[in-house]
C-alpha atoms as a PDB file:
ATOM      1  CA  MET A   1      12.607  -8.329   5.268  1.00  0.00           C
ATOM      2  CA  ASP A   2      13.651  -4.736   6.241  1.00  0.00           C
ATOM      3  CA  ASN A   3      13.131  -3.669   2.329  1.00  0.00           C
ATOM      4  CA  ILE A   4       9.660  -4.626   2.516  1.00  0.00           C
ATOM      5  CA  ASP A   5       8.725  -3.329   6.008  1.00  0.00           C
ATOM      6  CA  GLU A   6      10.709   0.254   4.409  1.00  0.00           C
ATOM      7  CA  GLU A   7       8.297  -0.294   0.799  1.00  0.00           C
ATOM      8  CA  TYR A   8       5.286  -0.572   2.946  1.00  0.00           C
ATOM      9  CA  ASP A   9       6.211   2.451   5.693  1.00  0.00           C
ATOM     10  CA  ARG A  10       6.961   4.498   2.579  1.00  0.00           C
ATOM     11  CA  PHE A  11       3.756   3.914   0.736  1.00  0.00           C
ATOM     12  CA  MET A  12       1.447   4.378   4.089  1.00  0.00           C
ATOM     13  CA  HIS A  13       3.821   7.659   4.395  1.00  0.00           C
ATOM     14  CA  ASP A  14       2.779   8.888   0.952  1.00  0.00           C
ATOM     15  CA  LEU A  15      -0.913   7.561   1.423  1.00  0.00           C
ATOM     16  CA  ARG A  16      -1.262   9.868   4.753  1.00  0.00           C
ATOM     17  CA  ASP A  17       0.423  12.730   2.990  1.00  0.00           C
ATOM     18  CA  SER A  18      -2.170  12.408   0.490  1.00  0.00           C
ATOM     19  CA  ALA A  19      -5.100  12.560   3.103  1.00  0.00           C
ATOM     20  CA  LYS A  20      -3.682  15.739   4.765  1.00  0.00           C
ATOM     21  CA  GLY A  21      -5.047  17.643   1.758  1.00  0.00           C
ATOM     22  CA  ALA A  22      -8.532  15.628   1.673  1.00  0.00           C
ATOM     23  CA  LYS A  23     -11.234  15.924   4.100  1.00  0.00           C
ATOM     24  CA  SER A  24     -10.747  12.137   4.910  1.00  0.00           C
ATOM     25  CA  LEU A  25      -8.887   9.447   3.985  1.00  0.00           C
ATOM     26  CA  THR A  26     -12.311   7.961   2.450  1.00  0.00           C
ATOM     27  CA  ILE A  27     -12.184  11.044  -0.064  1.00  0.00           C
ATOM     28  CA  THR A  28      -8.037   9.824  -0.837  1.00  0.00           C
ATOM     29  CA  THR A  29      -8.989   6.143  -0.959  1.00  0.00           C
ATOM     30  CA  ARG A  30     -11.740   6.538  -3.598  1.00  0.00           C
ATOM     31  CA  GLY A  31      -8.972   8.009  -5.669  1.00  0.00           C
ATOM     32  CA  LEU A  32      -7.431   4.952  -6.044  1.00  0.00           C
ATOM     33  CA  SER A  33      -8.282   2.358  -8.084  1.00  0.00           C
ATOM     34  CA  PRO A  34     -10.436  -0.943  -7.107  1.00  0.00           C
ATOM     35  CA  GLU A  35      -6.876  -2.725  -8.097  1.00  0.00           C
ATOM     36  CA  THR A  36      -4.422  -0.662  -6.402  1.00  0.00           C
ATOM     37  CA  PHE A  37      -6.840  -0.481  -2.992  1.00  0.00           C
ATOM     38  CA  GLU A  38      -7.355  -4.686  -3.249  1.00  0.00           C
ATOM     39  CA  LEU A  39      -3.281  -4.541  -3.703  1.00  0.00           C
ATOM     40  CA  VAL A  40      -2.573  -2.522  -0.551  1.00  0.00           C
ATOM     41  CA  ARG A  41      -5.050  -4.792   1.384  1.00  0.00           C
ATOM     42  CA  GLN A  42      -3.778  -7.982   0.277  1.00  0.00           C
ATOM     43  CA  SER A  43      -0.191  -6.895   1.113  1.00  0.00           C
ATOM     44  CA  GLY A  44      -1.482  -5.925   4.605  1.00  0.00           C
ATOM     45  CA  ALA A  45      -2.905  -9.174   4.935  1.00  0.00           C
ATOM     46  CA  ALA A  46       0.282 -11.215   3.617  1.00  0.00           C
ATOM     47  CA  ARG A  47       2.576  -8.449   6.259  1.00  0.00           C
ATOM     48  CA  ALA A  48       0.644  -9.646   9.002  1.00  0.00           C
ATOM     49  CA  SER A  49       0.574 -13.113   8.470  1.00  0.00           C
ATOM     50  CA  GLY A  50       3.908 -13.048   8.139  1.00  0.00           C
ATOM     51  CA  ASN A  51       4.541 -14.015   4.641  1.00  0.00           C
ATOM     52  CA  HIS A  52       7.016 -11.925   3.752  1.00  0.00           C
ATOM     53  CA  GLN A  53       7.705 -13.510   0.063  1.00  0.00           C
ATOM     54  CA  LEU A  54       4.378 -12.601  -1.283  1.00  0.00           C
ATOM     55  CA  THR A  55       4.848  -9.493   0.961  1.00  0.00           C
ATOM     56  CA  SER A  56       7.802  -8.810  -1.680  1.00  0.00           C
ATOM     57  CA  GLU A  57       5.910  -9.632  -4.884  1.00  0.00           C
ATOM     58  CA  LEU A  58       2.704  -7.508  -4.039  1.00  0.00           C
ATOM     59  CA  ALA A  59       4.851  -4.933  -3.267  1.00  0.00           C
ATOM     60  CA  LYS A  60       6.366  -4.813  -6.373  1.00  0.00           C
ATOM     61  CA  VAL A  61       3.054  -5.422  -8.591  1.00  0.00           C
ATOM     62  CA  ASN A  62       1.779  -2.316  -6.311  1.00  0.00           C
ATOM     63  CA  TYR A  63       4.767  -0.119  -6.888  1.00  0.00           C
ATOM     64  CA  GLU A  64       4.095  -0.553 -11.001  1.00  0.00           C
ATOM     65  CA  GLU A  65       0.283  -0.313 -10.599  1.00  0.00           C
ATOM     66  CA  ARG A  66       1.336   3.222  -8.610  1.00  0.00           C
ATOM     67  CA  ARG A  67       3.830   4.581 -11.694  1.00  0.00           C
END
C-alpha cells in the first residue's frame, strides 16, 4: 500500500514541478493527453475509495503511458 501512495505522490510532485514553469496548472494539464488525464482522474478516484488493487493497476498503466 505504501508503494502505491509513493507512486501517486511522485506523480503529483512531478506534475506540480511541471506547473511551476507554466502560467497555470491549466496550461500544464493541456499538455497531457486525454488518456493520461483520464488515468490520473481514475487513479485518484480509486485511491479515494480505498480500492488499492485498482489504484496499483492504474498506476502501472499511467507509468507506461508517461514513458
